[in-house]
PDB file of N, CA and C in Angstrom:
ATOM      1  N   UNK A   1       0.745  -1.336  -0.148  1.00  0.00           N
ATOM      2  CA  UNK A   1      -0.264   0.031  -0.072  1.00  0.00           C
ATOM      3  C   UNK A   1       1.051   1.165   0.075  1.00  0.00           C
ATOM      4  N   UNK A   2       0.502   2.491  -0.495  1.00  0.00           N
ATOM      5  CA  UNK A   2       1.210   3.751  -0.581  1.00  0.00           C
ATOM      6  C   UNK A   2       0.194   4.477   0.755  1.00  0.00           C
ATOM      7  N   UNK A   3       1.337   5.408   1.172  1.00  0.00           N
ATOM      8  CA  UNK A   3       0.898   6.048   2.007  1.00  0.00           C
ATOM      9  C   UNK A   3       0.010   6.947   1.508  1.00  0.00           C
ATOM     10  N   UNK A   4      -1.044   7.836   1.758  1.00  0.00           N
ATOM     11  CA  UNK A   4      -2.106   8.837   1.520  1.00  0.00           C
ATOM     12  C   UNK A   4      -1.567  10.092   2.138  1.00  0.00           C
ATOM     13  N   UNK A   5      -1.134  11.157   0.918  1.00  0.00           N
ATOM     14  CA  UNK A   5      -0.733  12.276   1.887  1.00  0.00           C
ATOM     15  C   UNK A   5      -1.610  13.148   2.319  1.00  0.00           C
ATOM     16  N   UNK A   6      -1.781  14.055   2.812  1.00  0.00           N
ATOM     17  CA  UNK A   6      -2.554  14.864   3.240  1.00  0.00           C
ATOM     18  C   UNK A   6      -3.288  15.767   2.482  1.00  0.00           C
ATOM     19  N   UNK A   7      -2.740  16.225   1.178  1.00  0.00           N
ATOM     20  CA  UNK A   7      -2.806  17.115   0.131  1.00  0.00           C
ATOM     21  C   UNK A   7      -3.874  16.206  -0.651  1.00  0.00           C
ATOM     22  N   UNK A   8      -3.746  14.907  -0.907  1.00  0.00           N
ATOM     23  CA  UNK A   8      -4.743  14.332  -1.531  1.00  0.00           C
ATOM     24  C   UNK A   8      -6.091  13.825  -1.057  1.00  0.00           C
ATOM     25  N   UNK A   9      -6.126  13.912   0.586  1.00  0.00           N
ATOM     26  CA  UNK A   9      -7.390  13.827   0.622  1.00  0.00           C
ATOM     27  C   UNK A   9      -8.238  15.411   1.155  1.00  0.00           C
ATOM     28  N   UNK A  10      -7.296  16.214   0.951  1.00  0.00           N
ATOM     29  CA  UNK A  10      -7.763  17.734   1.101  1.00  0.00           C
ATOM     30  C   UNK A  10      -8.458  17.804  -0.733  1.00  0.00           C
ATOM     31  N   UNK A  11      -7.946  17.524  -1.507  1.00  0.00           N
ATOM     32  CA  UNK A  11      -8.260  17.849  -2.986  1.00  0.00           C
ATOM     33  C   UNK A  11      -9.653  17.680  -3.353  1.00  0.00           C
ATOM     34  N   UNK A  12     -10.793  16.127  -3.017  1.00  0.00           N
ATOM     35  CA  UNK A  12     -11.749  16.279  -3.270  1.00  0.00           C
ATOM     36  C   UNK A  12     -12.556  17.238  -2.460  1.00  0.00           C
ATOM     37  N   UNK A  13     -12.285  17.608  -1.452  1.00  0.00           N
ATOM     38  CA  UNK A  13     -12.871  19.064  -0.532  1.00  0.00           C
ATOM     39  C   UNK A  13     -13.295  19.758  -1.296  1.00  0.00           C
ATOM     40  N   UNK A  14     -11.861  20.172  -1.925  1.00  0.00           N
ATOM     41  CA  UNK A  14     -11.761  21.297  -2.765  1.00  0.00           C
ATOM     42  C   UNK A  14     -12.867  21.435  -3.503  1.00  0.00           C
ATOM     43  N   UNK A  15     -12.326  20.186  -4.509  1.00  0.00           N
ATOM     44  CA  UNK A  15     -13.524  20.404  -5.423  1.00  0.00           C
ATOM     45  C   UNK A  15     -14.862  20.199  -5.351  1.00  0.00           C
ATOM     46  N   UNK A  16     -15.271  19.710  -4.350  1.00  0.00           N
ATOM     47  CA  UNK A  16     -16.844  20.284  -3.834  1.00  0.00           C
ATOM     48  C   UNK A  16     -17.253  21.365  -3.184  1.00  0.00           C
ATOM     49  N   UNK A  17     -16.218  21.863  -2.460  1.00  0.00           N
ATOM     50  CA  UNK A  17     -16.608  23.231  -2.374  1.00  0.00           C
ATOM     51  C   UNK A  17     -16.517  24.227  -3.381  1.00  0.00           C
ATOM     52  N   UNK A  18     -15.811  23.921  -4.299  1.00  0.00           N
ATOM     53  CA  UNK A  18     -15.566  24.660  -5.280  1.00  0.00           C
ATOM     54  C   UNK A  18     -17.153  24.819  -6.377  1.00  0.00           C
ATOM     55  N   UNK A  19     -17.694  23.600  -6.654  1.00  0.00           N
ATOM     56  CA  UNK A  19     -18.662  23.114  -7.077  1.00  0.00           C
ATOM     57  C   UNK A  19     -19.662  23.958  -6.367  1.00  0.00           C
ATOM     58  N   UNK A  20     -19.782  23.856  -5.218  1.00  0.00           N
ATOM     59  CA  UNK A  20     -21.137  24.128  -4.332  1.00  0.00           C
ATOM     60  C   UNK A  20     -21.092  25.938  -4.486  1.00  0.00           C
ATOM     61  N   UNK A  21     -20.151  26.498  -4.551  1.00  0.00           N
ATOM     62  CA  UNK A  21     -19.702  28.051  -4.697  1.00  0.00           C
ATOM     63  C   UNK A  21     -20.170  28.121  -6.233  1.00  0.00           C
ATOM     64  N   UNK A  22     -19.744  27.596  -6.966  1.00  0.00           N
ATOM     65  CA  UNK A  22     -20.389  28.003  -8.440  1.00  0.00           C
ATOM     66  C   UNK A  22     -21.793  27.794  -8.559  1.00  0.00           C
ATOM     67  N   UNK A  23     -22.130  26.910  -8.236  1.00  0.00           N
ATOM     68  CA  UNK A  23     -23.660  26.777  -8.002  1.00  0.00           C
ATOM     69  C   UNK A  23     -24.458  27.693  -7.369  1.00  0.00           C
ATOM     70  N   UNK A  24     -24.222  28.400  -6.465  1.00  0.00           N
ATOM     71  CA  UNK A  24     -24.488  29.281  -5.557  1.00  0.00           C
ATOM     72  C   UNK A  24     -24.488  30.554  -6.286  1.00  0.00           C
ATOM     73  N   UNK A  25     -23.289  30.564  -7.135  1.00  0.00           N
ATOM     74  CA  UNK A  25     -23.202  32.138  -7.811  1.00  0.00           C
ATOM     75  C   UNK A  25     -24.050  31.786  -8.975  1.00  0.00           C
ATOM     76  N   UNK A  26     -24.317  30.709 -10.125  1.00  0.00           N
ATOM     77  CA  UNK A  26     -25.061  31.175 -10.836  1.00  0.00           C
ATOM     78  C   UNK A  26     -26.580  30.926 -10.187  1.00  0.00           C
ATOM     79  N   UNK A  27     -27.202  30.272  -9.703  1.00  0.00           N
ATOM     80  CA  UNK A  27     -28.453  30.557  -8.785  1.00  0.00           C
ATOM     81  C   UNK A  27     -28.701  32.004  -8.379  1.00  0.00           C
ATOM     82  N   UNK A  28     -27.623  32.783  -7.985  1.00  0.00           N
ATOM     83  CA  UNK A  28     -27.982  33.920  -8.041  1.00  0.00           C
ATOM     84  C   UNK A  28     -28.070  35.130  -9.140  1.00  0.00           C
ATOM     85  N   UNK A  29     -27.793  34.674 -10.570  1.00  0.00           N
ATOM     86  CA  UNK A  29     -27.801  34.984 -11.547  1.00  0.00           C
ATOM     87  C   UNK A  29     -29.087  34.757 -12.115  1.00  0.00           C
ATOM     88  N   UNK A  30     -29.774  33.684 -11.681  1.00  0.00           N
ATOM     89  CA  UNK A  30     -30.946  33.267 -12.108  1.00  0.00           C
ATOM     90  C   UNK A  30     -32.291  33.904 -11.678  1.00  0.00           C
ATOM     91  N   UNK A  31     -31.878  34.920 -10.668  1.00  0.00           N
ATOM     92  CA  UNK A  31     -33.197  35.580 -10.005  1.00  0.00           C
ATOM     93  C   UNK A  31     -33.585  36.674 -10.645  1.00  0.00           C
ATOM     94  N   UNK A  32     -34.951  36.912 -10.534  1.00  0.00           N
ATOM     95  CA  UNK A  32     -35.260  38.147 -11.749  1.00  0.00           C
ATOM     96  C   UNK A  32     -34.709  39.541 -11.031  1.00  0.00           C
ATOM     97  N   UNK A  33     -34.414  40.020 -11.664  1.00  0.00           N
ATOM     98  CA  UNK A  33     -33.554  41.502 -10.986  1.00  0.00           C
ATOM     99  C   UNK A  33     -34.940  42.794 -11.367  1.00  0.00           C
ATOM    100  N   UNK A  34     -34.594  43.979 -10.858  1.00  0.00           N
ATOM    101  CA  UNK A  34     -35.151  44.753 -11.066  1.00  0.00           C
ATOM    102  C   UNK A  34     -34.642  45.496 -12.601  1.00  0.00           C
ATOM    103  N   UNK A  35     -35.939  46.236 -13.017  1.00  0.00           N
ATOM    104  CA  UNK A  35     -35.949  46.384 -14.577  1.00  0.00           C
ATOM    105  C   UNK A  35     -34.575  47.137 -14.919  1.00  0.00           C
ATOM    106  N   UNK A  36     -34.330  46.783 -15.946  1.00  0.00           N
ATOM    107  CA  UNK A  36     -33.039  47.393 -16.436  1.00  0.00           C
ATOM    108  C   UNK A  36     -33.605  48.674 -17.184  1.00  0.00           C
ATOM    109  N   UNK A  37     -34.510  48.888 -17.936  1.00  0.00           N
ATOM    110  CA  UNK A  37     -35.137  50.032 -18.858  1.00  0.00           C
ATOM    111  C   UNK A  37     -36.414  50.206 -18.914  1.00  0.00           C
ATOM    112  N   UNK A  38     -37.062  51.510 -18.894  1.00  0.00           N
ATOM    113  CA  UNK A  38     -38.708  51.780 -18.896  1.00  0.00           C
ATOM    114  C   UNK A  38     -38.717  53.097 -19.932  1.00  0.00           C
ATOM    115  N   UNK A  39     -39.261  52.825 -20.612  1.00  0.00           N
ATOM    116  CA  UNK A  39     -39.937  53.696 -22.018  1.00  0.00           C
ATOM    117  C   UNK A  39     -41.027  53.854 -22.250  1.00  0.00           C
ATOM    118  N   UNK A  40     -41.503  55.166 -22.504  1.00  0.00           N
ATOM    119  CA  UNK A  40     -42.640  54.967 -22.769  1.00  0.00           C
ATOM    120  C   UNK A  40     -43.066  55.342 -24.297  1.00  0.00           C
ATOM    121  N   UNK A  41     -44.118  54.857 -24.749  1.00  0.00           N
ATOM    122  CA  UNK A  41     -44.489  54.821 -26.359  1.00  0.00           C
ATOM    123  C   UNK A  41     -46.077  55.312 -26.513  1.00  0.00           C
ATOM    124  N   UNK A  42     -45.876  56.170 -27.984  1.00  0.00           N
ATOM    125  CA  UNK A  42     -47.361  56.509 -28.125  1.00  0.00           C
ATOM    126  C   UNK A  42     -48.122  55.302 -28.427  1.00  0.00           C
ATOM    127  N   UNK A  43     -47.400  54.243 -28.499  1.00  0.00           N
ATOM    128  CA  UNK A  43     -48.361  53.325 -29.079  1.00  0.00           C
ATOM    129  C   UNK A  43     -48.894  52.689 -28.232  1.00  0.00           C
ATOM    130  N   UNK A  44     -50.321  51.752 -28.889  1.00  0.00           N
ATOM    131  CA  UNK A  44     -50.733  51.088 -27.442  1.00  0.00           C
ATOM    132  C   UNK A  44     -50.260  49.763 -27.441  1.00  0.00           C
ATOM    133  N   UNK A  45     -50.324  49.140 -26.030  1.00  0.00           N
ATOM    134  CA  UNK A  45     -49.858  47.633 -25.846  1.00  0.00           C
ATOM    135  C   UNK A  45     -49.911  47.209 -27.269  1.00  0.00           C
ATOM    136  N   UNK A  46     -50.877  46.920 -27.475  1.00  0.00           N
ATOM    137  CA  UNK A  46     -51.326  45.831 -28.506  1.00  0.00           C
ATOM    138  C   UNK A  46     -50.570  45.901 -30.013  1.00  0.00           C
ATOM    139  N   UNK A  47     -50.169  47.329 -30.143  1.00  0.00           N
ATOM    140  CA  UNK A  47     -49.759  47.651 -31.512  1.00  0.00           C
ATOM    141  C   UNK A  47     -48.231  47.423 -30.895  1.00  0.00           C
ATOM    142  N   UNK A  48     -47.368  47.742 -29.955  1.00  0.00           N
ATOM    143  CA  UNK A  48     -46.202  47.856 -29.486  1.00  0.00           C
ATOM    144  C   UNK A  48     -45.826  46.319 -29.291  1.00  0.00           C
ATOM    145  N   UNK A  49     -46.428  45.690 -28.538  1.00  0.00           N
ATOM    146  CA  UNK A  49     -46.284  44.242 -28.687  1.00  0.00           C
ATOM    147  C   UNK A  49     -45.983  43.330 -30.102  1.00  0.00           C
ATOM    148  N   UNK A  50     -47.095  43.758 -30.674  1.00  0.00           N
ATOM    149  CA  UNK A  50     -47.236  43.264 -32.198  1.00  0.00           C
ATOM    150  C   UNK A  50     -45.728  43.305 -32.799  1.00  0.00           C
ATOM    151  N   UNK A  51     -45.598  44.605 -32.838  1.00  0.00           N
ATOM    152  CA  UNK A  51     -44.191  45.157 -33.307  1.00  0.00           C
ATOM    153  C   UNK A  51     -42.866  44.198 -32.976  1.00  0.00           C
ATOM    154  N   UNK A  52     -42.565  44.184 -31.517  1.00  0.00           N
ATOM    155  CA  UNK A  52     -41.660  43.610 -30.484  1.00  0.00           C
ATOM    156  C   UNK A  52     -41.241  42.113 -30.649  1.00  0.00           C
ATOM    157  N   UNK A  53     -42.847  41.218 -31.031  1.00  0.00           N
ATOM    158  CA  UNK A  53     -42.899  39.981 -30.844  1.00  0.00           C
ATOM    159  C   UNK A  53     -42.199  39.234 -31.901  1.00  0.00           C
ATOM    160  N   UNK A  54     -42.486  39.524 -33.306  1.00  0.00           N
ATOM    161  CA  UNK A  54     -41.524  38.706 -34.079  1.00  0.00           C
ATOM    162  C   UNK A  54     -39.974  39.236 -33.782  1.00  0.00           C
ATOM    163  N   UNK A  55     -39.347  40.829 -33.541  1.00  0.00           N
ATOM    164  CA  UNK A  55     -38.212  40.429 -33.462  1.00  0.00           C
ATOM    165  C   UNK A  55     -37.558  39.834 -32.288  1.00  0.00           C
ATOM    166  N   UNK A  56     -38.125  39.331 -31.225  1.00  0.00           N
ATOM    167  CA  UNK A  56     -37.504  39.050 -30.477  1.00  0.00           C
ATOM    168  C   UNK A  56     -37.874  37.184 -30.561  1.00  0.00           C
ATOM    169  N   UNK A  57     -38.924  36.793 -31.345  1.00  0.00           N
ATOM    170  CA  UNK A  57     -38.734  35.314 -32.071  1.00  0.00           C
ATOM    171  C   UNK A  57     -37.819  35.511 -32.469  1.00  0.00           C
ATOM    172  N   UNK A  58     -37.453  36.180 -33.685  1.00  0.00           N
ATOM    173  CA  UNK A  58     -36.291  35.969 -34.698  1.00  0.00           C
ATOM    174  C   UNK A  58     -34.443  35.636 -34.061  1.00  0.00           C
ATOM    175  N   UNK A  59     -34.586  36.620 -32.693  1.00  0.00           N
ATOM    176  CA  UNK A  59     -33.395  36.262 -31.991  1.00  0.00           C
ATOM    177  C   UNK A  59     -33.465  35.218 -31.079  1.00  0.00           C
ATOM    178  N   UNK A  60     -35.023  34.763 -30.512  1.00  0.00           N
ATOM    179  CA  UNK A  60     -34.968  33.808 -29.292  1.00  0.00           C
ATOM    180  C   UNK A  60     -36.469  33.008 -29.828  1.00  0.00           C
ATOM    181  N   UNK A  61     -36.442  32.230 -30.382  1.00  0.00           N
ATOM    182  CA  UNK A  61     -37.327  31.473 -31.114  1.00  0.00           C
ATOM    183  C   UNK A  61     -38.131  31.278 -30.284  1.00  0.00           C
ATOM    184  N   UNK A  62     -38.071  30.877 -28.901  1.00  0.00           N
ATOM    185  CA  UNK A  62     -39.153  30.356 -28.019  1.00  0.00           C
ATOM    186  C   UNK A  62     -39.707  31.236 -27.240  1.00  0.00           C
ATOM    187  N   UNK A  63     -39.356  32.462 -27.763  1.00  0.00           N
ATOM    188  CA  UNK A  63     -40.086  33.618 -27.241  1.00  0.00           C
ATOM    189  C   UNK A  63     -41.816  33.432 -26.750  1.00  0.00           C
ATOM    190  N   UNK A  64     -42.389  34.178 -26.150  1.00  0.00           N
ATOM    191  CA  UNK A  64     -43.934  34.397 -25.666  1.00  0.00           C
ATOM    192  C   UNK A  64     -44.251  35.235 -25.328  1.00  0.00           C
ATOM    193  N   UNK A  65     -45.701  34.969 -25.672  1.00  0.00           N
ATOM    194  CA  UNK A  65     -46.574  36.729 -25.484  1.00  0.00           C
ATOM    195  C   UNK A  65     -47.617  36.462 -24.336  1.00  0.00           C
ATOM    196  N   UNK A  66     -47.913  37.074 -23.559  1.00  0.00           N
ATOM    197  CA  UNK A  66     -49.035  36.646 -22.555  1.00  0.00           C
ATOM    198  C   UNK A  66     -49.930  37.876 -22.311  1.00  0.00           C
ATOM    199  N   UNK A  67     -51.082  37.691 -22.725  1.00  0.00           N
ATOM    200  CA  UNK A  67     -51.794  38.657 -21.994  1.00  0.00           C
ATOM    201  C   UNK A  67     -52.111  39.406 -20.590  1.00  0.00           C
ATOM    202  N   UNK A  68     -51.937  40.523 -20.018  1.00  0.00           N
ATOM    203  CA  UNK A  68     -51.728  40.573 -18.387  1.00  0.00           C
ATOM    204  C   UNK A  68     -52.498  42.055 -18.561  1.00  0.00           C
ATOM    205  N   UNK A  69     -53.148  42.065 -17.119  1.00  0.00           N
ATOM    206  CA  UNK A  69     -53.930  42.769 -16.949  1.00  0.00           C
ATOM    207  C   UNK A  69     -53.423  44.543 -17.247  1.00  0.00           C
ATOM    208  N   UNK A  70     -53.929  44.822 -18.503  1.00  0.00           N
ATOM    209  CA  UNK A  70     -53.676  46.188 -19.145  1.00  0.00           C
ATOM    210  C   UNK A  70     -52.363  46.402 -19.706  1.00  0.00           C
ATOM    211  N   UNK A  71     -52.247  45.326 -20.649  1.00  0.00           N
ATOM    212  CA  UNK A  71     -51.375  44.558 -21.127  1.00  0.00           C
ATOM    213  C   UNK A  71     -50.656  43.645 -21.601  1.00  0.00           C
ATOM    214  N   UNK A  72     -49.173  43.416 -21.982  1.00  0.00           N
ATOM    215  CA  UNK A  72     -48.909  42.062 -22.290  1.00  0.00           C
ATOM    216  C   UNK A  72     -47.593  41.783 -21.568  1.00  0.00           C
ATOM    217  N   UNK A  73     -47.079  40.472 -21.347  1.00  0.00           N
ATOM    218  CA  UNK A  73     -45.558  40.165 -21.348  1.00  0.00           C
ATOM    219  C   UNK A  73     -44.782  39.448 -22.070  1.00  0.00           C
ATOM    220  N   UNK A  74     -43.975  39.881 -22.726  1.00  0.00           N
ATOM    221  CA  UNK A  74     -43.012  38.792 -23.472  1.00  0.00           C
ATOM    222  C   UNK A  74     -42.217  38.065 -22.876  1.00  0.00           C
ATOM    223  N   UNK A  75     -41.805  37.118 -22.793  1.00  0.00           N
ATOM    224  CA  UNK A  75     -40.707  36.309 -22.209  1.00  0.00           C
ATOM    225  C   UNK A  75     -39.935  35.558 -23.255  1.00  0.00           C
ATOM    226  N   UNK A  76     -38.696  35.792 -22.927  1.00  0.00           N
ATOM    227  CA  UNK A  76     -37.434  35.058 -23.941  1.00  0.00           C
ATOM    228  C   UNK A  76     -36.794  33.791 -22.974  1.00  0.00           C
ATOM    229  N   UNK A  77     -37.407  33.062 -22.913  1.00  0.00           N
ATOM    230  CA  UNK A  77     -36.694  31.995 -21.913  1.00  0.00           C
ATOM    231  C   UNK A  77     -34.931  31.812 -22.254  1.00  0.00           C
ATOM    232  N   UNK A  78     -34.194  31.677 -21.462  1.00  0.00           N
ATOM    233  CA  UNK A  78     -32.443  31.323 -21.401  1.00  0.00           C
ATOM    234  C   UNK A  78     -32.324  29.935 -20.890  1.00  0.00           C
ATOM    235  N   UNK A  79     -31.418  29.283 -21.212  1.00  0.00           N
ATOM    236  CA  UNK A  79     -31.227  27.936 -20.984  1.00  0.00           C
ATOM    237  C   UNK A  79     -29.753  28.054 -19.567  1.00  0.00           C
ATOM    238  N   UNK A  80     -29.013  29.257 -19.941  1.00  0.00           N
ATOM    239  CA  UNK A  80     -28.324  29.818 -19.056  1.00  0.00           C
ATOM    240  C   UNK A  80     -28.339  30.699 -18.060  1.00  0.00           C
ATOM    241  N   UNK A  81     -29.425  31.536 -18.003  1.00  0.00           N
ATOM    242  CA  UNK A  81     -29.795  32.595 -17.092  1.00  0.00           C
ATOM    243  C   UNK A  81     -31.291  33.031 -16.950  1.00  0.00           C
ATOM    244  N   UNK A  82     -31.331  33.413 -16.199  1.00  0.00           N
ATOM    245  CA  UNK A  82     -32.848  33.690 -16.271  1.00  0.00           C
ATOM    246  C   UNK A  82     -33.270  34.333 -17.291  1.00  0.00           C
ATOM    247  N   UNK A  83     -35.175  34.462 -17.645  1.00  0.00           N
ATOM    248  CA  UNK A  83     -35.612  34.684 -18.469  1.00  0.00           C
ATOM    249  C   UNK A  83     -35.665  36.479 -18.855  1.00  0.00           C
ATOM    250  N   UNK A  84     -35.569  36.850 -20.488  1.00  0.00           N
ATOM    251  CA  UNK A  84     -35.697  38.370 -20.496  1.00  0.00           C
ATOM    252  C   UNK A  84     -37.052  38.419 -20.748  1.00  0.00           C
ATOM    253  N   UNK A  85     -37.673  39.530 -19.955  1.00  0.00           N
ATOM    254  CA  UNK A  85     -39.001  39.709 -19.921  1.00  0.00           C
ATOM    255  C   UNK A  85     -39.022  41.304 -20.230  1.00  0.00           C
ATOM    256  N   UNK A  86     -40.541  41.541 -21.232  1.00  0.00           N
ATOM    257  CA  UNK A  86     -40.756  42.957 -21.132  1.00  0.00           C
ATOM    258  C   UNK A  86     -42.317  43.261 -21.043  1.00  0.00           C
ATOM    259  N   UNK A  87     -42.480  43.940 -20.237  1.00  0.00           N
ATOM    260  CA  UNK A  87     -43.931  44.039 -19.781  1.00  0.00           C
ATOM    261  C   UNK A  87     -44.341  45.336 -20.461  1.00  0.00           C
ATOM    262  N   UNK A  88     -45.698  45.296 -21.060  1.00  0.00           N
ATOM    263  CA  UNK A  88     -45.950  46.564 -22.061  1.00  0.00           C
ATOM    264  C   UNK A  88     -47.153  46.526 -21.146  1.00  0.00           C
ATOM    265  N   UNK A  89     -47.620  48.230 -20.627  1.00  0.00           N
ATOM    266  CA  UNK A  89     -48.617  47.972 -20.135  1.00  0.00           C
ATOM    267  C   UNK A  89     -49.364  49.598 -20.511  1.00  0.00           C
ATOM    268  N   UNK A  90     -50.749  49.807 -20.715  1.00  0.00           N
ATOM    269  CA  UNK A  90     -51.066  51.072 -20.915  1.00  0.00           C
ATOM    270  C   UNK A  90     -50.695  51.982 -19.826  1.00  0.00           C
ATOM    271  N   UNK A  91     -50.510  53.209 -20.214  1.00  0.00           N
ATOM    272  CA  UNK A  91     -50.062  54.460 -19.525  1.00  0.00           C
ATOM    273  C   UNK A  91     -50.536  55.940 -20.393  1.00  0.00           C
ATOM    274  N   UNK A  92     -51.268  56.397 -19.927  1.00  0.00           N
ATOM    275  CA  UNK A  92     -51.682  57.602 -20.853  1.00  0.00           C
ATOM    276  C   UNK A  92     -52.409  57.498 -22.052  1.00  0.00           C
ATOM    277  N   UNK A  93     -51.726  58.173 -22.772  1.00  0.00           N
ATOM    278  CA  UNK A  93     -52.455  57.988 -24.406  1.00  0.00           C
ATOM    279  C   UNK A  93     -51.495  57.026 -24.903  1.00  0.00           C
ATOM    280  N   UNK A  94     -50.635  56.026 -24.565  1.00  0.00           N
ATOM    281  CA  UNK A  94     -49.551  54.932 -25.107  1.00  0.00           C
ATOM    282  C   UNK A  94     -49.707  53.886 -24.150  1.00  0.00           C
ATOM    283  N   UNK A  95     -48.108  53.481 -24.061  1.00  0.00           N
ATOM    284  CA  UNK A  95     -47.782  52.344 -23.244  1.00  0.00           C
ATOM    285  C   UNK A  95     -46.873  52.458 -22.552  1.00  0.00           C
ATOM    286  N   UNK A  96     -46.284  52.082 -21.584  1.00  0.00           N
ATOM    287  CA  UNK A  96     -45.235  51.997 -21.329  1.00  0.00           C
ATOM    288  C   UNK A  96     -44.167  50.703 -21.047  1.00  0.00           C
ATOM    289  N   UNK A  97     -43.121  50.361 -21.541  1.00  0.00           N
ATOM    290  CA  UNK A  97     -42.402  49.165 -21.775  1.00  0.00           C
ATOM    291  C   UNK A  97     -41.205  49.272 -20.870  1.00  0.00           C
ATOM    292  N   UNK A  98     -41.383  48.146 -19.990  1.00  0.00           N
ATOM    293  CA  UNK A  98     -40.372  47.817 -19.034  1.00  0.00           C
ATOM    294  C   UNK A  98     -39.244  46.448 -19.094  1.00  0.00           C
ATOM    295  N   UNK A  99     -38.467  46.660 -19.491  1.00  0.00           N
ATOM    296  CA  UNK A  99     -37.443  45.436 -19.874  1.00  0.00           C
ATOM    297  C   UNK A  99     -36.864  44.737 -18.856  1.00  0.00           C
ATOM    298  N   UNK A 100     -36.829  43.809 -18.140  1.00  0.00           N
ATOM    299  CA  UNK A 100     -35.822  43.158 -17.303  1.00  0.00           C
ATOM    300  C   UNK A 100     -35.060  42.285 -18.204  1.00  0.00           C
ATOM    301  N   UNK A 101     -33.840  42.107 -17.825  1.00  0.00           N
ATOM    302  CA  UNK A 101     -32.572  41.962 -18.191  1.00  0.00           C
ATOM    303  C   UNK A 101     -32.066  40.685 -17.489  1.00  0.00           C
ATOM    304  N   UNK A 102     -31.971  39.621 -18.265  1.00  0.00           N
ATOM    305  CA  UNK A 102     -31.914  37.990 -17.353  1.00  0.00           C
ATOM    306  C   UNK A 102     -30.847  38.221 -16.711  1.00  0.00           C
ATOM    307  N   UNK A 103     -29.304  38.610 -16.806  1.00  0.00           N
ATOM    308  CA  UNK A 103     -28.409  38.559 -15.815  1.00  0.00           C
ATOM    309  C   UNK A 103     -27.150  39.320 -16.580  1.00  0.00           C
ATOM    310  N   UNK A 104     -26.442  39.732 -16.161  1.00  0.00           N
ATOM    311  CA  UNK A 104     -24.973  40.365 -16.712  1.00  0.00           C
ATOM    312  C   UNK A 104     -24.460  39.529 -17.900  1.00  0.00           C
ATOM    313  N   UNK A 105     -24.787  38.132 -18.163  1.00  0.00           N
ATOM    314  CA  UNK A 105     -24.229  37.468 -19.184  1.00  0.00           C
ATOM    315  C   UNK A 105     -25.394  37.369 -20.352  1.00  0.00           C
ATOM    316  N   UNK A 106     -26.336  38.268 -20.422  1.00  0.00           N
ATOM    317  CA  UNK A 106     -27.102  38.387 -21.316  1.00  0.00           C
ATOM    318  C   UNK A 106     -26.943  39.675 -22.112  1.00  0.00           C
ATOM    319  N   UNK A 107     -27.002  39.375 -23.727  1.00  0.00           N
ATOM    320  CA  UNK A 107     -26.574  40.463 -24.181  1.00  0.00           C
ATOM    321  C   UNK A 107     -27.476  41.736 -24.205  1.00  0.00           C
ATOM    322  N   UNK A 108     -27.346  42.200 -25.066  1.00  0.00           N
ATOM    323  CA  UNK A 108     -28.466  43.756 -25.677  1.00  0.00           C
ATOM    324  C   UNK A 108     -29.217  44.010 -26.788  1.00  0.00           C
ATOM    325  N   UNK A 109     -29.204  42.201 -27.624  1.00  0.00           N
ATOM    326  CA  UNK A 109     -30.027  42.234 -28.662  1.00  0.00           C
ATOM    327  C   UNK A 109     -31.094  42.440 -28.283  1.00  0.00           C
ATOM    328  N   UNK A 110     -32.405  41.683 -27.717  1.00  0.00           N
ATOM    329  CA  UNK A 110     -33.566  41.478 -27.288  1.00  0.00           C
ATOM    330  C   UNK A 110     -33.649  43.152 -26.952  1.00  0.00           C
ATOM    331  N   UNK A 111     -33.097  44.060 -25.824  1.00  0.00           N
ATOM    332  CA  UNK A 111     -33.688  45.433 -25.491  1.00  0.00           C
ATOM    333  C   UNK A 111     -33.609  46.327 -26.481  1.00  0.00           C
ATOM    334  N   UNK A 112     -32.543  46.083 -27.729  1.00  0.00           N
ATOM    335  CA  UNK A 112     -32.641  46.893 -28.888  1.00  0.00           C
ATOM    336  C   UNK A 112     -33.750  46.596 -29.667  1.00  0.00           C
ATOM    337  N   UNK A 113     -34.174  45.226 -29.711  1.00  0.00           N
ATOM    338  CA  UNK A 113     -35.118  45.390 -30.812  1.00  0.00           C
ATOM    339  C   UNK A 113     -36.668  45.896 -30.171  1.00  0.00           C
ATOM    340  N   UNK A 114     -36.700  45.692 -28.809  1.00  0.00           N
ATOM    341  CA  UNK A 114     -37.762  46.402 -28.366  1.00  0.00           C
ATOM    342  C   UNK A 114     -37.798  48.252 -28.455  1.00  0.00           C
ATOM    343  N   UNK A 115     -36.300  48.327 -28.256  1.00  0.00           N
ATOM    344  CA  UNK A 115     -35.965  49.368 -28.607  1.00  0.00           C
ATOM    345  C   UNK A 115     -36.596  50.710 -29.966  1.00  0.00           C
ATOM    346  N   UNK A 116     -36.477  49.537 -30.814  1.00  0.00           N
ATOM    347  CA  UNK A 116     -36.846  49.987 -32.328  1.00  0.00           C
ATOM    348  C   UNK A 116     -37.929  49.932 -32.571  1.00  0.00           C
ATOM    349  N   UNK A 117     -38.989  49.544 -31.652  1.00  0.00           N
ATOM    350  CA  UNK A 117     -40.154  49.727 -32.145  1.00  0.00           C
ATOM    351  C   UNK A 117     -41.175  50.796 -31.124  1.00  0.00           C
ATOM    352  N   UNK A 118     -40.106  51.490 -30.292  1.00  0.00           N
ATOM    353  CA  UNK A 118     -40.815  52.562 -29.895  1.00  0.00           C
ATOM    354  C   UNK A 118     -41.101  53.800 -29.994  1.00  0.00           C
ATOM    355  N   UNK A 119     -40.782  53.891 -31.510  1.00  0.00           N
ATOM    356  CA  UNK A 119     -41.464  55.149 -32.517  1.00  0.00           C
ATOM    357  C   UNK A 119     -42.476  55.164 -33.249  1.00  0.00           C
TER     358      UNK A 119
END
């Protein structure tokens, strides 16, 4: 038999600790956050959501649209981070579009696509 060194016994503990820390960190990224952008448009929620939906589906094919009280919620699911969400609600003569970014790992393509429909 070969003698077991203390450093060999500590290595599995380090791996377990590292994996645990990684999981906790990624779970923190998956929590929904505060809005990252909120803009007004003169378009109704129906018209604005109808403009954004095909743009989001081109970028994230599994994007869905759901009718909510006084507007719509578009959701682009992500396998790596939390979903990206756009809520479009009636506001005065038009609507307010509020964007929730999935995480710092998410790009800006969906936000920019939503911005194109504001005017």
